[in-house]
Amino acid sequence: MTHINLLALCGSLREGSLNSAVAHAAAGLCRPPAAMTVHGGLDGLPFFNPDVESSTPPAVVQDFRARLAAADAVLIASPEYARGTSGMLKNALEWVVGSGELVAKPVAVVTASPSAAGGERAQAWLRETLEVMSAQVLPESLRIPCASARITEGQVTDPVLLGELTGVVEAMVRAVETLRRPVA
């Protein structure tokens, strides 16, 4: 079996973030040959600037792009702010629109929210943005409503949610395996 490299991005900086807990839980649910790394550092990316992008992007942007390029699939865990995703996550995605690291790459979107809607609008915003970027957005993406009751002290404690996250991770692995199959 060939190793499957998964990468998780979290769109929240908040200490005790529900979405950070979800990303780390998903990483813990991976089984060989898959492993997931949770990328910390979206807050270190400078504001997107097309002039800088077209010349020489800063090293932190080049590193971020390299991590995305090396990933076989990506999980994005995002809160909902003002009916969309966080500015930090939007900024990170802007840095890879033109460089194409997400083109044809399987991406699962998970939105955890204390609200009953579960980040529905952020999920829709991210799906639309990722589709414009030509990512392969997985239908197994997940909205997590009332997440505060399902995540305790930074840990996903709800067994149903753990099962749903396992399903997301397994869908990511299947998508990678499908892409790797030789075309007959």
Protein backbone atom coordinates (compact mmCIF):
# COMPACT_ATOMS: atom_id res chain seq x y z
CA MET A 1 0.00 0.00 0.00
CA THR A 2 1.23 3.46 -0.90
CA HIS A 3 1.16 6.13 1.78
CA ILE A 4 -1.71 8.63 1.60
CA ASN A 5 -0.79 12.12 2.79
CA LEU A 6 -3.77 14.11 4.08
CA LEU A 7 -3.62 17.74 5.21
CA ALA A 8 -6.12 19.55 7.45
CA LEU A 9 -6.56 23.33 7.49
CA CYS A 10 -8.45 25.09 10.26
CA GLY A 11 -10.06 28.46 9.59
CA SER A 12 -10.12 29.56 13.22
CA LEU A 13 -7.52 31.11 15.48
CA ARG A 14 -9.68 30.96 18.60
CA GLU A 15 -8.22 29.08 21.52
CA GLY A 16 -10.53 26.14 22.15
CA SER A 17 -11.83 26.34 18.58
CA LEU A 18 -14.50 23.79 17.73
CA ASN A 19 -13.07 23.48 14.23
CA SER A 20 -9.54 22.94 15.49
CA ALA A 21 -10.89 20.12 17.68
CA VAL A 22 -12.59 18.62 14.63
CA ALA A 23 -9.42 18.83 12.51
CA HIS A 24 -7.34 17.16 15.22
CA ALA A 25 -10.00 14.48 15.78
CA ALA A 26 -10.03 13.71 12.04
CA ALA A 27 -6.24 13.38 12.10
CA GLY A 28 -6.52 10.95 14.99
CA LEU A 29 -9.04 8.85 13.09
CA CYS A 30 -6.66 8.15 10.19
CA ARG A 31 -5.41 4.61 9.79
CA PRO A 32 -2.49 3.38 7.68
CA PRO A 33 -1.76 3.85 4.88
CA ALA A 34 -3.24 7.32 5.50
CA ALA A 35 -1.94 9.97 7.87
CA MET A 36 -3.22 13.50 8.37
CA THR A 37 -1.23 16.54 9.44
CA VAL A 38 -3.03 19.57 10.86
CA HIS A 39 -1.44 22.67 9.36
CA GLY A 40 -0.97 25.43 11.88
CA GLY A 41 0.09 28.71 10.47
CA LEU A 42 -2.57 30.22 8.26
CA ASP A 43 -2.33 33.26 10.51
CA GLY A 44 1.30 33.67 9.40
CA LEU A 45 0.37 34.21 5.76
CA PRO A 46 0.58 37.84 4.65
CA PHE A 47 -2.44 39.47 3.07
CA PHE A 48 -2.84 38.27 -0.50
CA ASN A 49 -1.35 40.66 -3.03
CA PRO A 50 -1.42 39.80 -6.76
CA ASP A 51 1.69 41.91 -7.37
CA VAL A 52 3.67 39.85 -4.86
CA GLU A 53 2.15 36.60 -6.14
CA SER A 54 3.28 37.30 -9.70
CA SER A 55 6.85 38.11 -8.63
CA THR A 56 8.26 36.04 -5.78
CA PRO A 57 5.82 35.03 -3.04
CA PRO A 58 7.19 35.12 0.52
CA ALA A 59 8.76 31.92 1.87
CA VAL A 60 5.77 31.27 4.15
CA VAL A 61 3.47 31.28 1.09
CA GLN A 62 5.83 29.00 -0.83
CA ASP A 63 5.88 26.60 2.15
CA PHE A 64 2.07 26.65 2.37
CA ARG A 65 1.77 25.93 -1.35
CA ALA A 66 4.31 23.10 -1.08
CA ARG A 67 2.35 21.49 1.77
CA LEU A 68 -0.85 21.66 -0.27
CA ALA A 69 0.91 20.30 -3.36
CA ALA A 70 2.32 17.38 -1.35
CA ALA A 71 -1.07 16.49 0.12
CA ASP A 72 -3.12 13.83 -1.65
CA ALA A 73 -6.33 15.32 -0.20
CA VAL A 74 -7.27 18.23 2.06
CA LEU A 75 -9.76 18.65 4.87
CA ILE A 76 -10.90 22.20 5.61
CA ALA A 77 -12.52 22.81 9.00
CA SER A 78 -14.14 26.22 9.14
CA PRO A 79 -16.28 28.34 11.40
CA GLU A 80 -18.93 30.63 9.97
CA TYR A 81 -18.40 34.37 10.21
CA ALA A 82 -20.78 36.88 8.61
CA ARG A 83 -22.36 34.18 6.43
CA GLY A 84 -19.01 33.01 5.08
CA THR A 85 -15.69 31.65 6.21
CA SER A 86 -13.05 33.46 8.24
CA GLY A 87 -10.93 36.13 6.59
CA MET A 88 -7.82 34.14 7.45
CA LEU A 89 -9.02 31.06 5.55
CA LYS A 90 -10.24 33.17 2.62
CA ASN A 91 -6.80 34.81 2.48
CA ALA A 92 -5.09 31.39 2.47
CA LEU A 93 -7.27 30.20 -0.40
CA GLU A 94 -6.54 33.38 -2.37
CA TRP A 95 -2.83 32.54 -2.27
CA VAL A 96 -3.49 29.28 -4.17
CA VAL A 97 -6.13 30.33 -6.71
CA GLY A 98 -3.57 31.13 -9.39
CA SER A 99 -0.93 28.57 -8.46
CA GLY A 100 -3.37 25.64 -8.64
CA GLU A 101 -2.42 23.39 -5.74
CA LEU A 102 -6.07 22.42 -5.23
CA VAL A 103 -6.90 21.71 -8.88
CA ALA A 104 -8.47 18.21 -9.11
CA LYS A 105 -7.51 17.56 -5.48
CA PRO A 106 -10.10 15.88 -3.22
CA VAL A 107 -11.22 18.36 -0.55
CA ALA A 108 -13.63 17.68 2.32
CA VAL A 109 -15.27 20.67 3.99
CA VAL A 110 -16.34 20.45 7.62
CA THR A 111 -18.06 23.32 9.41
CA ALA A 112 -18.62 23.13 13.14
CA SER A 113 -20.82 25.74 14.76
CA PRO A 114 -22.62 26.21 18.04
CA SER A 115 -25.70 27.17 15.99
CA ALA A 116 -28.36 24.76 14.78
CA ALA A 117 -27.37 25.51 11.16
CA GLY A 118 -23.91 24.02 11.64
CA GLY A 119 -22.12 26.61 9.53
CA GLU A 120 -24.38 26.00 6.54
CA ARG A 121 -23.52 29.30 4.85
CA ALA A 122 -19.77 28.90 5.38
CA GLN A 123 -20.05 25.39 3.96
CA ALA A 124 -21.86 26.71 0.87
CA TRP A 125 -19.38 29.58 0.46
CA LEU A 126 -16.39 27.25 0.70
CA ARG A 127 -17.87 24.67 -1.66
CA GLU A 128 -18.54 27.34 -4.28
CA THR A 129 -15.07 28.86 -3.91
CA LEU A 130 -13.35 25.47 -4.07
CA GLU A 131 -15.35 24.46 -7.14
CA VAL A 132 -14.28 27.69 -8.88
CA MET A 133 -10.70 26.69 -7.99
CA SER A 134 -11.36 23.27 -9.66
CA ALA A 135 -10.97 21.29 -6.44
CA GLN A 136 -12.83 17.99 -6.21
CA VAL A 137 -15.19 18.86 -3.34
CA LEU A 138 -16.34 15.64 -1.72
CA PRO A 139 -20.05 15.07 -1.18
CA GLU A 140 -19.19 13.53 2.20
CA SER A 141 -18.37 16.99 3.54
CA LEU A 142 -20.00 17.58 6.91
CA ARG A 143 -21.90 20.27 8.80
CA ILE A 144 -21.79 19.94 12.58
CA PRO A 145 -24.68 21.77 14.25
CA CYS A 146 -24.77 22.42 18.00
CA ALA A 147 -21.08 21.54 18.07
CA SER A 148 -20.53 22.95 21.56
CA ALA A 149 -22.56 20.05 22.94
CA ARG A 150 -20.53 17.51 20.96
CA ILE A 151 -17.05 18.83 21.64
CA THR A 152 -15.80 19.07 25.22
CA GLU A 153 -12.60 20.82 26.29
CA GLY A 154 -11.14 20.71 22.79
CA GLN A 155 -12.02 17.04 22.21
CA VAL A 156 -14.70 15.52 20.02
CA THR A 157 -16.59 13.45 22.58
CA ASP A 158 -19.77 12.58 20.73
CA PRO A 159 -19.58 9.02 19.36
CA VAL A 160 -21.98 9.79 16.51
CA LEU A 161 -19.81 12.73 15.44
CA LEU A 162 -16.69 10.57 15.65
CA GLY A 163 -18.42 8.10 13.33
CA GLU A 164 -19.34 10.89 10.91
CA LEU A 165 -15.76 12.19 10.91
CA THR A 166 -14.50 8.67 10.28
CA GLY A 167 -16.77 8.59 7.25
CA VAL A 168 -15.27 11.86 5.98
CA VAL A 169 -11.71 10.58 6.41
CA GLU A 170 -12.59 7.30 4.70
CA ALA A 171 -14.17 9.23 1.79
CA MET A 172 -10.95 11.23 1.43
CA VAL A 173 -8.90 8.03 1.30
CA ARG A 174 -11.27 6.46 -1.26
CA ALA A 175 -11.06 9.59 -3.43
CA VAL A 176 -7.25 9.42 -3.41
CA GLU A 177 -7.27 5.71 -4.20
CA THR A 178 -9.66 6.35 -7.11
CA LEU A 179 -7.35 9.04 -8.50
CA ARG A 180 -4.38 6.70 -8.24
CA ARG A 181 -6.03 3.81 -10.08
CA PRO A 182 -4.56 3.30 -13.52
CA VAL A 183 -6.87 4.16 -16.36
CA ALA A 184 -7.62 1.07 -18.40
